[in-house]
């Protein structure tokens, strides 16, 4: 049978599609730290195969004093608030693209009205979240990592945070302190799962977005300590864990690298400028 030009074009297209599929399905590999955007750096560390860890630890280190770097939290949804809730469930990758975020992860734990977790469902956050100075609510068990009007990073381990902190914070993520949870709740601290957290160092004014594919809280805490964090706050984990990198990043693998299939209440992200091509 004679092969027509259309047949050859179809075969070439099929090969290209299969190549793209295999590219995206290939396992993620460990990576040394490198710049994704100006002031935003990424590394992927292979964790040892133990009863408490496996897979990769994805660390995004953010130098907050870099020009163009700004933090993002999902604001309250007015329609959800009118219905007695706070947020609408949405996918982190969708929110990141809609907001133009450089990197995004899932946010706080939440409570809904059904077991299906459908996009658009109205829900309430468990821990305090602050977006553009707007406070979601007060939670008596929340500790805070936050920034003030000047963009200065702070860690407030007290729970609940003092009123002055909540009033001064422009951006903030609340949750259980990883160091405290790892020592005070050993029955949970040594159980493997997907873990999402935000770490901070007040002295260096650095923030970390950290996503663990399969690790205990105790292991996650040790990794963050070694990276330079002074403290970290636990966000939602398990099936909610999501890690997204914008396609304009200076790295070969972008998009949703971990999770992404479950919509969540809030999303934590960062805006940043691209790395000049001359420096890639």
C-alpha atoms as a PDB file:
ATOM      1  CA  UNK A   1       0.000   0.000   0.000  1.00  0.00           C
ATOM      2  CA  UNK A   2       1.349   3.398  -0.976  1.00  0.00           C
ATOM      3  CA  UNK A   3       1.848   5.758   1.936  1.00  0.00           C
ATOM      4  CA  UNK A   4       0.241   9.137   1.324  1.00  0.00           C
ATOM      5  CA  UNK A   5       1.432  12.471   2.680  1.00  0.00           C
ATOM      6  CA  UNK A   6      -1.544  12.472   5.041  1.00  0.00           C
ATOM      7  CA  UNK A   7      -0.587   9.049   6.401  1.00  0.00           C
ATOM      8  CA  UNK A   8       2.969  10.187   7.109  1.00  0.00           C
ATOM      9  CA  UNK A   9       1.714  13.375   8.755  1.00  0.00           C
ATOM     10  CA  UNK A  10      -0.564  11.307  10.997  1.00  0.00           C
ATOM     11  CA  UNK A  11       2.293   8.998  11.992  1.00  0.00           C
ATOM     12  CA  UNK A  12       4.595  11.918  12.794  1.00  0.00           C
ATOM     13  CA  UNK A  13       1.870  13.535  14.897  1.00  0.00           C
ATOM     14  CA  UNK A  14       1.269  10.250  16.753  1.00  0.00           C
ATOM     15  CA  UNK A  15       4.978   9.887  17.521  1.00  0.00           C
ATOM     16  CA  UNK A  16       5.127  13.457  18.812  1.00  0.00           C
ATOM     17  CA  UNK A  17       2.081  12.912  21.031  1.00  0.00           C
ATOM     18  CA  UNK A  18       3.541   9.692  22.441  1.00  0.00           C
ATOM     19  CA  UNK A  19       6.827  11.477  23.076  1.00  0.00           C
ATOM     20  CA  UNK A  20       5.074  14.208  25.048  1.00  0.00           C
ATOM     21  CA  UNK A  21       3.113  11.613  27.050  1.00  0.00           C
ATOM     22  CA  UNK A  22       6.244   9.647  27.929  1.00  0.00           C
ATOM     23  CA  UNK A  23       8.015  12.930  28.840  1.00  0.00           C
ATOM     24  CA  UNK A  24       5.346  13.873  31.373  1.00  0.00           C
ATOM     25  CA  UNK A  25       4.909  10.362  32.772  1.00  0.00           C
ATOM     26  CA  UNK A  26       8.591   9.781  33.414  1.00  0.00           C
ATOM     27  CA  UNK A  27       9.504   9.778  37.118  1.00  0.00           C
ATOM     28  CA  UNK A  28      10.707  13.024  38.645  1.00  0.00           C
ATOM     29  CA  UNK A  29      14.403  13.062  39.470  1.00  0.00           C
ATOM     30  CA  UNK A  30      16.441  14.671  42.271  1.00  0.00           C
ATOM     31  CA  UNK A  31      17.732  18.137  41.367  1.00  0.00           C
ATOM     32  CA  UNK A  32      20.304  20.440  42.891  1.00  0.00           C
ATOM     33  CA  UNK A  33      19.043  23.879  43.872  1.00  0.00           C
ATOM     34  CA  UNK A  34      18.638  26.225  40.927  1.00  0.00           C
ATOM     35  CA  UNK A  35      16.707  29.412  40.187  1.00  0.00           C
ATOM     36  CA  UNK A  36      13.165  29.038  38.881  1.00  0.00           C
ATOM     37  CA  UNK A  37      12.516  32.767  38.934  1.00  0.00           C
ATOM     38  CA  UNK A  38      14.358  35.746  40.353  1.00  0.00           C
ATOM     39  CA  UNK A  39      14.547  35.119  44.103  1.00  0.00           C
ATOM     40  CA  UNK A  40      12.803  31.718  43.856  1.00  0.00           C
ATOM     41  CA  UNK A  41      14.942  28.561  43.974  1.00  0.00           C
ATOM     42  CA  UNK A  42      14.004  24.887  43.633  1.00  0.00           C
ATOM     43  CA  UNK A  43      15.600  21.611  44.658  1.00  0.00           C
ATOM     44  CA  UNK A  44      14.375  18.026  44.798  1.00  0.00           C
ATOM     45  CA  UNK A  45      15.953  15.713  47.344  1.00  0.00           C
ATOM     46  CA  UNK A  46      15.681  11.926  47.220  1.00  0.00           C
ATOM     47  CA  UNK A  47      14.586  10.637  50.615  1.00  0.00           C
ATOM     48  CA  UNK A  48      15.892   7.280  51.844  1.00  0.00           C
ATOM     49  CA  UNK A  49      13.594   4.263  51.660  1.00  0.00           C
ATOM     50  CA  UNK A  50      12.666   3.772  55.319  1.00  0.00           C
ATOM     51  CA  UNK A  51       9.483   3.131  57.314  1.00  0.00           C
ATOM     52  CA  UNK A  52       9.159   6.938  57.523  1.00  0.00           C
ATOM     53  CA  UNK A  53      10.162   8.140  54.071  1.00  0.00           C
ATOM     54  CA  UNK A  54      10.427   7.515  50.352  1.00  0.00           C
ATOM     55  CA  UNK A  55      10.152   9.528  47.147  1.00  0.00           C
ATOM     56  CA  UNK A  56      11.230  13.138  46.745  1.00  0.00           C
ATOM     57  CA  UNK A  57      11.209  16.200  48.963  1.00  0.00           C
ATOM     58  CA  UNK A  58      10.453  19.258  46.807  1.00  0.00           C
ATOM     59  CA  UNK A  59      11.794  22.484  48.335  1.00  0.00           C
ATOM     60  CA  UNK A  60      11.145  25.973  46.979  1.00  0.00           C
ATOM     61  CA  UNK A  61      13.262  28.595  48.750  1.00  0.00           C
ATOM     62  CA  UNK A  62      12.049  32.180  48.411  1.00  0.00           C
ATOM     63  CA  UNK A  63      14.245  35.204  49.112  1.00  0.00           C
ATOM     64  CA  UNK A  64      11.576  37.668  50.165  1.00  0.00           C
ATOM     65  CA  UNK A  65      13.717  40.780  49.758  1.00  0.00           C
ATOM     66  CA  UNK A  66      14.196  40.158  46.027  1.00  0.00           C
ATOM     67  CA  UNK A  67      12.483  42.854  43.909  1.00  0.00           C
ATOM     68  CA  UNK A  68       9.302  41.541  42.324  1.00  0.00           C
ATOM     69  CA  UNK A  69       8.726  38.784  44.878  1.00  0.00           C
ATOM     70  CA  UNK A  70       5.242  38.931  46.428  1.00  0.00           C
ATOM     71  CA  UNK A  71       3.301  36.320  48.376  1.00  0.00           C
ATOM     72  CA  UNK A  72      -0.254  35.203  47.654  1.00  0.00           C
ATOM     73  CA  UNK A  73      -3.063  33.650  49.671  1.00  0.00           C
ATOM     74  CA  UNK A  74      -6.568  32.888  48.473  1.00  0.00           C
ATOM     75  CA  UNK A  75      -8.907  35.693  49.611  1.00  0.00           C
ATOM     76  CA  UNK A  76     -12.306  35.068  51.136  1.00  0.00           C
ATOM     77  CA  UNK A  77     -15.020  34.341  48.591  1.00  0.00           C
ATOM     78  CA  UNK A  78     -17.917  36.792  48.989  1.00  0.00           C
ATOM     79  CA  UNK A  79     -20.558  34.317  47.817  1.00  0.00           C
ATOM     80  CA  UNK A  80     -19.221  31.626  50.134  1.00  0.00           C
ATOM     81  CA  UNK A  81     -19.227  34.100  53.033  1.00  0.00           C
ATOM     82  CA  UNK A  82     -22.835  35.038  52.239  1.00  0.00           C
ATOM     83  CA  UNK A  83     -23.686  31.333  52.452  1.00  0.00           C
ATOM     84  CA  UNK A  84     -22.051  31.055  55.890  1.00  0.00           C
ATOM     85  CA  UNK A  85     -18.754  29.617  54.632  1.00  0.00           C
ATOM     86  CA  UNK A  86     -15.437  31.173  53.545  1.00  0.00           C
ATOM     87  CA  UNK A  87     -14.056  29.695  50.330  1.00  0.00           C
ATOM     88  CA  UNK A  88     -14.970  27.754  47.212  1.00  0.00           C
ATOM     89  CA  UNK A  89     -13.039  24.616  46.355  1.00  0.00           C
ATOM     90  CA  UNK A  90     -10.777  24.979  43.323  1.00  0.00           C
ATOM     91  CA  UNK A  91      -7.726  23.288  41.840  1.00  0.00           C
ATOM     92  CA  UNK A  92      -4.333  24.735  42.735  1.00  0.00           C
ATOM     93  CA  UNK A  93      -3.105  24.569  39.127  1.00  0.00           C
ATOM     94  CA  UNK A  94      -6.205  26.486  37.987  1.00  0.00           C
ATOM     95  CA  UNK A  95      -5.800  29.151  40.664  1.00  0.00           C
ATOM     96  CA  UNK A  96      -2.082  29.494  39.894  1.00  0.00           C
ATOM     97  CA  UNK A  97      -2.716  30.047  36.207  1.00  0.00           C
ATOM     98  CA  UNK A  98      -5.595  32.431  36.853  1.00  0.00           C
ATOM     99  CA  UNK A  99      -3.504  34.526  39.253  1.00  0.00           C
ATOM    100  CA  UNK A 100      -0.254  34.295  37.288  1.00  0.00           C
ATOM    101  CA  UNK A 101       1.643  32.711  40.189  1.00  0.00           C
ATOM    102  CA  UNK A 102       5.221  31.558  39.712  1.00  0.00           C
ATOM    103  CA  UNK A 103       4.856  28.668  42.175  1.00  0.00           C
ATOM    104  CA  UNK A 104       1.836  27.472  44.137  1.00  0.00           C
ATOM    105  CA  UNK A 105       0.981  24.836  46.717  1.00  0.00           C
ATOM    106  CA  UNK A 106      -2.237  23.836  48.444  1.00  0.00           C
ATOM    107  CA  UNK A 107      -3.211  25.731  51.577  1.00  0.00           C
ATOM    108  CA  UNK A 108      -4.883  25.022  54.898  1.00  0.00           C
ATOM    109  CA  UNK A 109      -7.102  22.187  56.051  1.00  0.00           C
ATOM    110  CA  UNK A 110     -10.792  22.731  55.385  1.00  0.00           C
ATOM    111  CA  UNK A 111     -14.242  21.390  56.242  1.00  0.00           C
ATOM    112  CA  UNK A 112     -16.995  20.950  53.671  1.00  0.00           C
ATOM    113  CA  UNK A 113     -20.571  19.738  53.558  1.00  0.00           C
ATOM    114  CA  UNK A 114     -20.082  16.581  51.495  1.00  0.00           C
ATOM    115  CA  UNK A 115     -17.576  13.804  50.914  1.00  0.00           C
ATOM    116  CA  UNK A 116     -17.123  14.536  47.212  1.00  0.00           C
ATOM    117  CA  UNK A 117     -14.954  17.698  47.313  1.00  0.00           C
ATOM    118  CA  UNK A 118     -16.338  19.108  44.079  1.00  0.00           C
ATOM    119  CA  UNK A 119     -15.020  22.340  42.510  1.00  0.00           C
ATOM    120  CA  UNK A 120     -17.181  25.281  43.523  1.00  0.00           C
ATOM    121  CA  UNK A 121     -18.370  23.704  46.780  1.00  0.00           C
ATOM    122  CA  UNK A 122     -18.340  26.212  49.644  1.00  0.00           C
ATOM    123  CA  UNK A 123     -16.182  25.276  52.636  1.00  0.00           C
ATOM    124  CA  UNK A 124     -14.597  26.682  55.788  1.00  0.00           C
ATOM    125  CA  UNK A 125     -10.881  26.754  56.579  1.00  0.00           C
ATOM    126  CA  UNK A 126      -9.652  25.076  59.751  1.00  0.00           C
ATOM    127  CA  UNK A 127      -6.689  27.358  60.490  1.00  0.00           C
ATOM    128  CA  UNK A 128      -6.361  31.118  60.219  1.00  0.00           C
ATOM    129  CA  UNK A 129      -5.431  32.486  56.797  1.00  0.00           C
ATOM    130  CA  UNK A 130      -4.628  36.134  56.039  1.00  0.00           C
ATOM    131  CA  UNK A 131      -4.824  37.495  52.491  1.00  0.00           C
ATOM    132  CA  UNK A 132      -4.187  41.179  51.708  1.00  0.00           C
ATOM    133  CA  UNK A 133      -4.770  41.987  55.387  1.00  0.00           C
ATOM    134  CA  UNK A 134      -8.120  40.179  55.497  1.00  0.00           C
ATOM    135  CA  UNK A 135      -8.399  37.569  58.273  1.00  0.00           C
ATOM    136  CA  UNK A 136     -10.415  34.429  57.591  1.00  0.00           C
ATOM    137  CA  UNK A 137     -11.215  33.718  61.268  1.00  0.00           C
ATOM    138  CA  UNK A 138      -9.474  32.988  64.574  1.00  0.00           C
ATOM    139  CA  UNK A 139      -8.425  29.465  65.504  1.00  0.00           C
ATOM    140  CA  UNK A 140      -7.247  28.822  69.058  1.00  0.00           C
ATOM    141  CA  UNK A 141      -4.701  26.218  67.899  1.00  0.00           C
ATOM    142  CA  UNK A 142      -3.169  28.257  65.075  1.00  0.00           C
ATOM    143  CA  UNK A 143       0.445  29.417  65.004  1.00  0.00           C
ATOM    144  CA  UNK A 144       1.398  31.883  62.273  1.00  0.00           C
ATOM    145  CA  UNK A 145       4.053  32.569  59.675  1.00  0.00           C
ATOM    146  CA  UNK A 146       3.282  36.026  58.331  1.00  0.00           C
ATOM    147  CA  UNK A 147       4.510  39.234  56.725  1.00  0.00           C
ATOM    148  CA  UNK A 148       3.743  42.821  57.680  1.00  0.00           C
ATOM    149  CA  UNK A 149       3.069  45.884  55.544  1.00  0.00           C
ATOM    150  CA  UNK A 150       6.788  46.296  54.796  1.00  0.00           C
ATOM    151  CA  UNK A 151       7.026  42.669  53.672  1.00  0.00           C
ATOM    152  CA  UNK A 152       9.077  41.619  56.710  1.00  0.00           C
ATOM    153  CA  UNK A 153       8.735  37.941  57.602  1.00  0.00           C
ATOM    154  CA  UNK A 154       7.712  36.909  61.127  1.00  0.00           C
ATOM    155  CA  UNK A 155       7.167  33.658  63.012  1.00  0.00           C
ATOM    156  CA  UNK A 156       4.609  33.637  65.837  1.00  0.00           C
ATOM    157  CA  UNK A 157       4.601  30.272  67.652  1.00  0.00           C
ATOM    158  CA  UNK A 158       1.948  31.350  70.190  1.00  0.00           C
ATOM    159  CA  UNK A 159      -1.477  29.874  69.560  1.00  0.00           C
ATOM    160  CA  UNK A 160      -3.704  31.651  69.104  1.00  0.00           C
ATOM    161  CA  UNK A 161      -1.599  34.527  67.758  1.00  0.00           C
ATOM    162  CA  UNK A 162      -1.838  37.803  69.725  1.00  0.00           C
ATOM    163  CA  UNK A 163      -4.335  40.350  68.423  1.00  0.00           C
ATOM    164  CA  UNK A 164      -1.493  42.675  67.412  1.00  0.00           C
ATOM    165  CA  UNK A 165      -0.077  40.032  65.069  1.00  0.00           C
ATOM    166  CA  UNK A 166      -3.409  39.426  63.370  1.00  0.00           C
ATOM    167  CA  UNK A 167      -3.952  43.165  62.986  1.00  0.00           C
ATOM    168  CA  UNK A 168      -0.492  43.833  61.517  1.00  0.00           C
ATOM    169  CA  UNK A 169      -0.300  40.831  59.186  1.00  0.00           C
ATOM    170  CA  UNK A 170      -0.830  41.464  55.483  1.00  0.00           C
ATOM    171  CA  UNK A 171      -0.122  37.864  54.457  1.00  0.00           C
ATOM    172  CA  UNK A 172      -0.158  34.865  56.755  1.00  0.00           C
ATOM    173  CA  UNK A 173      -0.518  31.103  56.900  1.00  0.00           C
ATOM    174  CA  UNK A 174      -1.651  29.419  60.077  1.00  0.00           C
ATOM    175  CA  UNK A 175      -1.471  25.844  61.264  1.00  0.00           C
ATOM    176  CA  UNK A 176       0.191  23.492  63.691  1.00  0.00           C
ATOM    177  CA  UNK A 177       3.906  24.096  64.176  1.00  0.00           C
ATOM    178  CA  UNK A 178       5.808  21.219  62.622  1.00  0.00           C
ATOM    179  CA  UNK A 179       8.392  21.094  65.429  1.00  0.00           C
ATOM    180  CA  UNK A 180       5.677  21.021  68.082  1.00  0.00           C
ATOM    181  CA  UNK A 181       3.531  18.446  66.277  1.00  0.00           C
ATOM    182  CA  UNK A 182       6.513  16.201  65.607  1.00  0.00           C
ATOM    183  CA  UNK A 183       7.369  16.063  69.308  1.00  0.00           C
ATOM    184  CA  UNK A 184       3.924  16.332  70.924  1.00  0.00           C
ATOM    185  CA  UNK A 185       2.022  13.883  68.705  1.00  0.00           C
ATOM    186  CA  UNK A 186       4.357  10.937  68.064  1.00  0.00           C
ATOM    187  CA  UNK A 187       1.463   8.730  66.918  1.00  0.00           C
ATOM    188  CA  UNK A 188       1.067  11.081  63.922  1.00  0.00           C
ATOM    189  CA  UNK A 189       4.613  12.365  63.601  1.00  0.00           C
ATOM    190  CA  UNK A 190       6.024   9.061  62.337  1.00  0.00           C
ATOM    191  CA  UNK A 191       3.295   8.102  59.851  1.00  0.00           C
ATOM    192  CA  UNK A 192       4.200   8.417  56.165  1.00  0.00           C
ATOM    193  CA  UNK A 193       1.993  10.496  53.894  1.00  0.00           C
ATOM    194  CA  UNK A 194       2.085  13.329  51.394  1.00  0.00           C
ATOM    195  CA  UNK A 195       2.971  16.474  53.330  1.00  0.00           C
ATOM    196  CA  UNK A 196       2.693  20.183  52.459  1.00  0.00           C
ATOM    197  CA  UNK A 197       4.172  22.896  54.649  1.00  0.00           C
ATOM    198  CA  UNK A 198       5.549  26.421  54.757  1.00  0.00           C
ATOM    199  CA  UNK A 199       8.874  27.035  56.486  1.00  0.00           C
ATOM    200  CA  UNK A 200      10.495  30.317  57.507  1.00  0.00           C
ATOM    201  CA  UNK A 201      13.696  31.919  58.742  1.00  0.00           C
ATOM    202  CA  UNK A 202      13.271  35.385  60.262  1.00  0.00           C
ATOM    203  CA  UNK A 203      17.015  36.104  60.303  1.00  0.00           C
ATOM    204  CA  UNK A 204      17.572  35.508  56.587  1.00  0.00           C
ATOM    205  CA  UNK A 205      14.060  36.571  55.514  1.00  0.00           C
ATOM    206  CA  UNK A 206      13.607  33.329  53.595  1.00  0.00           C
ATOM    207  CA  UNK A 207      10.437  31.314  53.113  1.00  0.00           C
ATOM    208  CA  UNK A 208      10.092  27.700  51.983  1.00  0.00           C
ATOM    209  CA  UNK A 209       7.275  25.934  50.182  1.00  0.00           C
ATOM    210  CA  UNK A 210       7.897  22.245  50.879  1.00  0.00           C
ATOM    211  CA  UNK A 211       6.076  19.259  49.428  1.00  0.00           C
ATOM    212  CA  UNK A 212       6.961  15.692  50.396  1.00  0.00           C
ATOM    213  CA  UNK A 213       5.771  12.830  48.214  1.00  0.00           C
ATOM    214  CA  UNK A 214       5.851  10.296  51.054  1.00  0.00           C
ATOM    215  CA  UNK A 215       7.293  11.233  54.439  1.00  0.00           C
ATOM    216  CA  UNK A 216       6.482  11.457  58.114  1.00  0.00           C
ATOM    217  CA  UNK A 217       6.200  14.828  59.821  1.00  0.00           C
ATOM    218  CA  UNK A 218       9.350  14.030  61.777  1.00  0.00           C
ATOM    219  CA  UNK A 219      11.341  13.451  58.587  1.00  0.00           C
ATOM    220  CA  UNK A 220       9.870  16.576  56.985  1.00  0.00           C
ATOM    221  CA  UNK A 221      10.945  18.625  59.982  1.00  0.00           C
ATOM    222  CA  UNK A 222      14.529  17.332  59.798  1.00  0.00           C
ATOM    223  CA  UNK A 223      14.712  18.158  56.084  1.00  0.00           C
ATOM    224  CA  UNK A 224      13.452  21.711  56.661  1.00  0.00           C
ATOM    225  CA  UNK A 225      15.877  22.242  59.544  1.00  0.00           C
ATOM    226  CA  UNK A 226      18.779  21.125  57.364  1.00  0.00           C
ATOM    227  CA  UNK A 227      17.613  23.504  54.623  1.00  0.00           C
ATOM    228  CA  UNK A 228      17.778  26.453  57.014  1.00  0.00           C
ATOM    229  CA  UNK A 229      14.223  26.921  58.274  1.00  0.00           C
ATOM    230  CA  UNK A 230      13.734  27.964  61.892  1.00  0.00           C
ATOM    231  CA  UNK A 231      10.111  26.836  61.995  1.00  0.00           C
ATOM    232  CA  UNK A 232       7.416  25.419  59.740  1.00  0.00           C
ATOM    233  CA  UNK A 233       3.620  25.304  59.661  1.00  0.00           C
ATOM    234  CA  UNK A 234       1.690  22.239  58.521  1.00  0.00           C
ATOM    235  CA  UNK A 235      -0.844  22.773  55.753  1.00  0.00           C
ATOM    236  CA  UNK A 236      -3.355  20.285  54.374  1.00  0.00           C
ATOM    237  CA  UNK A 237      -1.748  17.054  53.182  1.00  0.00           C
ATOM    238  CA  UNK A 238      -2.540  13.617  51.841  1.00  0.00           C
ATOM    239  CA  UNK A 239      -4.746  13.762  48.754  1.00  0.00           C
ATOM    240  CA  UNK A 240      -4.852  17.574  48.990  1.00  0.00           C
ATOM    241  CA  UNK A 241      -1.090  17.969  48.551  1.00  0.00           C
ATOM    242  CA  UNK A 242      -0.312  19.854  45.330  1.00  0.00           C
ATOM    243  CA  UNK A 243       2.822  21.450  43.882  1.00  0.00           C
ATOM    244  CA  UNK A 244       2.706  23.639  40.765  1.00  0.00           C
ATOM    245  CA  UNK A 245       5.445  25.477  38.823  1.00  0.00           C
ATOM    246  CA  UNK A 246       4.585  27.992  36.106  1.00  0.00           C
ATOM    247  CA  UNK A 247       5.709  27.059  32.593  1.00  0.00           C
ATOM    248  CA  UNK A 248       7.951  30.146  32.286  1.00  0.00           C
ATOM    249  CA  UNK A 249      10.250  28.839  35.047  1.00  0.00           C
ATOM    250  CA  UNK A 250      13.926  28.231  34.267  1.00  0.00           C
ATOM    251  CA  UNK A 251      13.597  24.460  34.620  1.00  0.00           C
ATOM    252  CA  UNK A 252      12.710  21.652  32.186  1.00  0.00           C
ATOM    253  CA  UNK A 253       9.782  20.236  34.154  1.00  0.00           C
ATOM    254  CA  UNK A 254       6.845  22.533  34.936  1.00  0.00           C
ATOM    255  CA  UNK A 255       3.118  22.306  35.590  1.00  0.00           C
ATOM    256  CA  UNK A 256       1.667  20.175  38.382  1.00  0.00           C
ATOM    257  CA  UNK A 257       4.518  18.027  39.690  1.00  0.00           C
ATOM    258  CA  UNK A 258       2.737  16.535  42.708  1.00  0.00           C
ATOM    259  CA  UNK A 259      -0.986  15.904  43.241  1.00  0.00           C
ATOM    260  CA  UNK A 260      -3.423  18.334  41.725  1.00  0.00           C
ATOM    261  CA  UNK A 261      -6.479  16.144  41.296  1.00  0.00           C
ATOM    262  CA  UNK A 262      -8.365  17.289  44.428  1.00  0.00           C
ATOM    263  CA  UNK A 263      -9.753  20.841  44.667  1.00  0.00           C
ATOM    264  CA  UNK A 264      -8.887  22.615  47.920  1.00  0.00           C
ATOM    265  CA  UNK A 265     -10.044  25.672  49.857  1.00  0.00           C
ATOM    266  CA  UNK A 266      -6.975  27.906  49.766  1.00  0.00           C
ATOM    267  CA  UNK A 267      -3.771  28.178  47.781  1.00  0.00           C
ATOM    268  CA  UNK A 268      -0.401  29.608  48.801  1.00  0.00           C
ATOM    269  CA  UNK A 269       1.789  31.077  46.097  1.00  0.00           C
ATOM    270  CA  UNK A 270       4.438  33.549  45.057  1.00  0.00           C
ATOM    271  CA  UNK A 271       4.768  36.096  42.278  1.00  0.00           C
ATOM    272  CA  UNK A 272       8.255  36.540  40.819  1.00  0.00           C
ATOM    273  CA  UNK A 273      10.042  37.830  37.728  1.00  0.00           C
ATOM    274  CA  UNK A 274      11.541  35.422  35.146  1.00  0.00           C
ATOM    275  CA  UNK A 275      15.236  34.596  35.211  1.00  0.00           C
ATOM    276  CA  UNK A 276      16.976  36.419  32.321  1.00  0.00           C
ATOM    277  CA  UNK A 277      17.851  33.993  29.531  1.00  0.00           C
ATOM    278  CA  UNK A 278      21.485  35.072  29.763  1.00  0.00           C
ATOM    279  CA  UNK A 279      21.624  33.628  33.301  1.00  0.00           C
ATOM    280  CA  UNK A 280      19.875  30.310  32.670  1.00  0.00           C
END
